[in-house]
Amino acid sequence: QVQLVQSGGGSVQAGGSLKLSCVASGVTSSVSCMAWFRQAPGLQREWVSDIKTDGTTEYKDSVKGRFTVSKDDVKNTLYLQINSLKPEDTAMYYCAAREGLCFRSEIHYTLWGQGTQVTVSS
């Protein structure tokens, strides 16, 4: 059973940076895709980025150039470096993991972190 535990997040002013972490524990050898989603109040959870076993990354258009996803396989940790934060980035951020291919819809993921809040003020 894989568990995901998140840390990081917080409140920053526009233009600031944050780094989110997601530590995977348990039998992680079957995980081939790790992703970040976010959910703003009143909106659906949306895909932000993902990283595959081979290190290939994908990003939502609105975060390209500002967000960087990475992983440390030794530490079993997923990261999301968020730079040049905007008020519209305010949301609860979730990490997720799955076996097989990466998908941009939350319905394909059964492993989730507990979420961490990112709040950006203008």
Protein backbone atom coordinates (compact mmCIF):
# COMPACT_ATOMS: atom_id res chain seq x y z
CA GLN A 1 0.00 0.00 0.00
CA VAL A 2 1.49 3.30 -1.09
CA GLN A 3 0.90 6.37 1.02
CA LEU A 4 1.58 9.95 -0.02
CA VAL A 5 2.37 12.61 2.56
CA GLN A 6 2.65 16.22 1.49
CA SER A 7 4.47 19.19 2.94
CA GLY A 8 5.21 22.74 1.91
CA GLY A 9 2.72 25.34 0.78
CA GLY A 10 1.77 28.51 2.59
CA SER A 11 0.83 32.11 1.96
CA VAL A 12 2.96 34.33 -0.26
CA GLN A 13 2.66 37.53 -2.21
CA ALA A 14 2.36 37.55 -5.96
CA GLY A 15 5.71 36.94 -7.58
CA GLY A 16 6.90 34.76 -4.73
CA SER A 17 7.96 31.13 -4.74
CA LEU A 18 7.08 27.97 -2.89
CA LYS A 19 8.21 24.37 -3.02
CA LEU A 20 5.82 21.52 -2.39
CA SER A 21 6.95 18.02 -1.45
CA CYS A 22 5.23 14.65 -1.54
CA VAL A 23 6.85 11.64 0.09
CA ALA A 24 5.76 8.21 -1.04
CA SER A 25 6.02 5.31 1.37
CA GLY A 26 5.18 1.64 1.08
CA VAL A 27 5.59 -0.46 -2.04
CA THR A 28 6.45 2.26 -4.52
CA SER A 29 8.06 0.11 -7.21
CA SER A 30 4.74 -0.19 -9.05
CA VAL A 31 4.24 3.56 -9.34
CA SER A 32 5.12 4.84 -12.80
CA CYS A 33 3.39 8.20 -12.83
CA MET A 34 3.26 10.94 -10.24
CA ALA A 35 1.23 14.06 -10.73
CA TRP A 36 0.19 17.33 -9.16
CA PHE A 37 -3.39 18.56 -9.18
CA ARG A 38 -4.96 21.64 -7.63
CA GLN A 39 -8.42 22.66 -6.59
CA ALA A 40 -9.56 26.22 -6.07
CA PRO A 41 -12.68 26.95 -4.03
CA GLY A 42 -15.83 26.19 -5.99
CA LEU A 43 -13.94 24.66 -8.88
CA GLN A 44 -13.11 21.16 -9.98
CA ARG A 45 -9.75 19.63 -9.26
CA GLU A 46 -7.46 20.25 -12.21
CA TRP A 47 -4.30 18.61 -13.42
CA VAL A 48 -1.18 20.76 -13.15
CA SER A 49 1.79 18.60 -14.00
CA ASP A 50 3.11 15.06 -14.06
CA ILE A 51 6.38 13.18 -14.21
CA LYS A 52 6.93 9.70 -15.49
CA THR A 53 9.40 7.02 -14.44
CA ASP A 54 11.83 8.10 -17.14
CA GLY A 55 11.70 11.70 -15.94
CA THR A 56 9.52 13.00 -18.75
CA THR A 57 7.41 15.92 -17.56
CA GLU A 58 4.21 17.61 -18.70
CA TYR A 59 2.67 20.90 -17.61
CA LYS A 60 -0.64 22.70 -17.83
CA ASP A 61 -0.18 25.61 -20.25
CA SER A 62 -0.85 28.28 -17.66
CA VAL A 63 2.01 27.10 -15.43
CA LYS A 64 4.65 26.39 -18.04
CA GLY A 65 7.83 28.28 -17.32
CA ARG A 66 6.80 28.91 -13.71
CA PHE A 67 6.29 25.44 -12.24
CA THR A 68 8.89 22.70 -12.21
CA VAL A 69 8.11 19.12 -11.25
CA SER A 70 10.91 16.82 -10.18
CA LYS A 71 11.47 13.65 -8.19
CA ASP A 72 14.13 12.09 -6.08
CA ASP A 73 13.92 8.34 -6.52
CA VAL A 74 16.26 7.66 -3.61
CA LYS A 75 14.08 9.66 -1.24
CA ASN A 76 10.84 8.57 -2.95
CA THR A 77 9.89 12.23 -3.02
CA LEU A 78 8.03 14.27 -5.59
CA TYR A 79 8.53 18.03 -5.73
CA LEU A 80 6.78 20.99 -7.28
CA GLN A 81 8.77 24.20 -7.41
CA ILE A 82 6.40 27.09 -7.97
CA ASN A 83 7.85 30.44 -9.05
CA SER A 84 6.34 33.75 -10.10
CA LEU A 85 3.17 32.92 -8.20
CA LYS A 86 -0.06 34.60 -9.24
CA PRO A 87 -3.28 35.05 -7.26
CA GLU A 88 -4.97 32.63 -9.65
CA ASP A 89 -2.58 29.92 -8.44
CA THR A 90 -4.36 29.99 -5.08
CA ALA A 91 -5.68 26.49 -4.46
CA MET A 92 -5.28 23.30 -2.49
CA TYR A 93 -2.53 21.33 -4.17
CA TYR A 94 -2.56 17.53 -4.23
CA CYS A 95 -0.01 14.98 -5.30
CA ALA A 96 -1.22 11.76 -6.87
CA ALA A 97 0.30 8.54 -8.11
CA ARG A 98 -0.68 5.61 -10.25
CA GLU A 99 0.63 2.56 -12.06
CA GLY A 100 0.80 2.76 -15.81
CA LEU A 101 0.32 5.81 -17.96
CA CYS A 102 -0.16 9.35 -16.77
CA PHE A 103 -3.57 10.93 -17.27
CA ARG A 104 -4.78 14.48 -16.85
CA SER A 105 -8.05 13.52 -15.23
CA GLU A 106 -8.28 12.89 -11.51
CA ILE A 107 -10.57 9.91 -12.06
CA HIS A 108 -7.59 7.78 -13.06
CA TYR A 109 -5.76 8.25 -9.77
CA THR A 110 -6.46 6.31 -6.60
CA LEU A 111 -3.42 7.36 -4.58
CA TRP A 112 -3.60 10.89 -3.20
CA GLY A 113 -1.75 13.07 -0.76
CA GLN A 114 -3.65 14.93 1.91
CA GLY A 115 -3.36 18.28 0.15
CA THR A 116 -1.52 21.45 0.99
CA GLN A 117 -2.83 24.99 0.69
CA VAL A 118 -1.16 27.61 -1.47
CA THR A 119 -2.48 31.14 -1.08
CA VAL A 120 -1.19 34.00 -3.20
CA SER A 121 -2.08 37.59 -2.39
CA SER A 122 -1.85 40.45 -4.83
